[in-house]
Amino acid sequence: MFQRIRIPATWLGFIAASLAMCGCQTAAKPAHKQSVMAWRPVASWSGHDSQQTDSFNMDTGQWRIKWETSDQAAPGAKKFQVIVHSTISGRFVSVAVDHPSTGSGVSYMAEDPREFFLDVESSGLDWKVAVEEGSVVEQ
């Protein structure tokens, strides 16, 4: 035999509302993550004559050189070059910058992770050079 169960009217409203809310919800879409390159400062130098920088280590293999030159107001030819060398072997890697006057820019490097140093060749220009290492992060 069946027994009749009596449910209070206030409970029926709550149960109906709960079932309605569960039935109408759609699955939440996962947030779309975007990969971007983040840049971490490694070292910087400035000067007005030619200079060899200290060694610096690049762990990711993705890095950039930000540079800026300004005029010394000195007569004569202007020259600015940044040449990358491997610290381990001393070998030439790349001419990252070759600019004959005032200006600024960014040179991107993709090299196996290791230690590097820069040869900055300058005449008639004040200069600033900064090295930054890149790593991919998700936003």
Protein backbone atom coordinates (compact mmCIF):
# COMPACT_ATOMS: atom_id res chain seq x y z
CA MET A 1 0.00 0.00 0.00
CA PHE A 2 1.06 3.45 -0.75
CA GLN A 3 1.23 6.12 1.82
CA ARG A 4 0.51 9.67 0.88
CA ILE A 5 3.24 12.18 1.77
CA ARG A 6 2.20 15.68 2.52
CA ILE A 7 4.66 18.40 1.39
CA PRO A 8 4.10 21.94 2.66
CA ALA A 9 3.17 24.46 -0.04
CA THR A 10 6.21 26.63 0.70
CA TRP A 11 8.47 23.70 -0.09
CA LEU A 12 6.76 23.06 -3.40
CA GLY A 13 7.58 26.60 -4.55
CA PHE A 14 11.22 26.19 -3.53
CA ILE A 15 11.53 22.82 -5.28
CA ALA A 16 9.92 24.14 -8.47
CA ALA A 17 12.20 27.19 -8.55
CA SER A 18 15.29 25.07 -7.96
CA LEU A 19 14.40 22.69 -10.78
CA ALA A 20 13.69 25.58 -13.13
CA MET A 21 17.05 27.19 -12.39
CA CYS A 22 18.94 23.95 -12.93
CA GLY A 23 17.23 23.26 -16.22
CA CYS A 24 17.88 26.71 -17.74
CA GLN A 25 21.58 27.07 -17.05
CA THR A 26 24.05 26.56 -19.85
CA ALA A 27 27.51 25.23 -19.31
CA ALA A 28 29.99 27.99 -18.54
CA LYS A 29 32.48 28.55 -21.34
CA PRO A 30 36.11 28.45 -20.29
CA ALA A 31 37.78 31.84 -20.46
CA HIS A 32 39.92 32.24 -23.59
CA LYS A 33 43.52 32.74 -22.54
CA GLN A 34 45.83 34.67 -24.79
CA SER A 35 49.59 34.14 -24.87
CA VAL A 36 51.70 37.29 -24.86
CA MET A 37 55.39 38.04 -24.57
CA ALA A 38 56.40 39.63 -21.26
CA TRP A 39 59.73 41.46 -21.04
CA ARG A 40 62.00 41.42 -17.98
CA PRO A 41 64.88 43.92 -17.69
CA VAL A 42 68.28 42.19 -17.55
CA ALA A 43 70.91 44.94 -17.81
CA SER A 44 71.48 48.43 -19.18
CA TRP A 45 74.45 50.60 -20.09
CA SER A 46 75.09 54.09 -21.37
CA GLY A 47 78.07 56.02 -22.67
CA HIS A 48 79.51 58.06 -25.48
CA ASP A 49 82.52 56.03 -26.59
CA SER A 50 82.95 52.43 -27.64
CA GLN A 51 82.55 49.94 -24.81
CA GLN A 52 82.35 46.19 -24.19
CA THR A 53 79.57 45.33 -21.73
CA ASP A 54 79.58 42.90 -18.86
CA SER A 55 78.29 39.40 -19.58
CA PHE A 56 74.61 38.69 -19.09
CA ASN A 57 72.70 35.41 -19.10
CA MET A 58 69.66 34.68 -21.25
CA ASP A 59 67.61 31.71 -20.02
CA THR A 60 64.78 31.67 -22.57
CA GLY A 61 66.61 32.39 -25.84
CA GLN A 62 64.15 35.19 -26.67
CA TRP A 63 65.44 38.67 -25.94
CA ARG A 64 65.67 42.18 -27.24
CA ILE A 65 68.01 45.15 -27.23
CA LYS A 66 66.43 48.58 -26.82
CA TRP A 67 68.72 51.41 -27.89
CA GLU A 68 68.75 55.17 -28.17
CA THR A 69 71.36 57.63 -29.44
CA SER A 70 71.64 61.41 -29.18
CA ASP A 71 74.04 63.85 -30.77
CA GLN A 72 77.12 64.94 -28.82
CA ALA A 73 77.31 68.16 -30.87
CA ALA A 74 80.85 67.13 -31.77
CA PRO A 75 82.10 67.54 -35.35
CA GLY A 76 82.90 64.49 -37.40
CA ALA A 77 81.33 61.27 -38.55
CA LYS A 78 78.66 59.62 -36.41
CA LYS A 79 78.57 55.87 -35.86
CA PHE A 80 76.61 53.48 -33.63
CA GLN A 81 76.75 49.69 -33.72
CA VAL A 82 75.81 47.00 -31.22
CA ILE A 83 77.48 43.66 -31.88
CA VAL A 84 76.43 40.54 -29.97
CA HIS A 85 79.01 37.93 -28.91
CA SER A 86 78.77 34.63 -27.07
CA THR A 87 80.60 34.83 -23.73
CA ILE A 88 81.33 31.10 -23.73
CA SER A 89 83.23 31.01 -27.03
CA GLY A 90 83.75 34.73 -27.67
CA ARG A 91 82.38 34.18 -31.17
CA PHE A 92 80.46 36.79 -33.14
CA VAL A 93 76.69 36.20 -33.05
CA SER A 94 75.06 39.16 -34.78
CA VAL A 95 75.17 42.86 -35.59
CA ALA A 96 72.04 43.84 -33.67
CA VAL A 97 72.19 47.58 -34.46
CA ASP A 98 73.94 49.54 -37.21
CA HIS A 99 72.76 53.16 -37.18
CA PRO A 100 74.71 56.17 -38.48
CA SER A 101 73.10 58.96 -36.47
CA THR A 102 70.65 59.85 -33.70
CA GLY A 103 67.64 57.63 -33.24
CA SER A 104 66.17 54.76 -31.28
CA GLY A 105 64.89 51.28 -31.87
CA VAL A 106 64.53 47.69 -30.79
CA SER A 107 66.42 44.69 -32.10
CA TYR A 108 64.98 41.22 -31.38
CA MET A 109 67.21 38.21 -30.82
CA ALA A 110 66.44 34.49 -30.92
CA GLU A 111 69.48 32.52 -29.79
CA ASP A 112 70.10 29.40 -27.74
CA PRO A 113 70.09 30.24 -24.02
CA ARG A 114 73.58 31.12 -22.75
CA GLU A 115 75.73 34.07 -21.70
CA PHE A 116 76.35 36.99 -24.04
CA PHE A 117 78.15 40.32 -24.07
CA LEU A 118 77.81 43.35 -26.35
CA ASP A 119 80.42 45.37 -28.19
CA VAL A 120 79.05 48.89 -28.49
CA GLU A 121 80.94 50.85 -31.14
CA SER A 122 80.17 54.56 -31.03
CA SER A 123 81.66 57.82 -32.21
CA GLY A 124 80.08 61.27 -31.99
CA LEU A 125 76.96 59.96 -30.23
CA ASP A 126 75.75 59.50 -26.66
CA TRP A 127 73.97 56.19 -26.28
CA LYS A 128 71.81 54.03 -24.03
CA VAL A 129 71.34 50.27 -24.42
CA ALA A 130 69.03 48.00 -22.43
CA VAL A 131 68.69 44.22 -22.68
CA GLU A 132 65.37 42.57 -21.83
CA GLU A 133 64.51 38.87 -21.73
CA GLY A 134 61.20 37.63 -23.08
CA SER A 135 58.98 34.86 -21.82
CA VAL A 136 55.53 33.78 -22.96
CA VAL A 137 52.78 34.23 -20.38
CA GLU A 138 49.04 33.66 -20.56
CA GLN A 139 46.64 36.48 -19.81
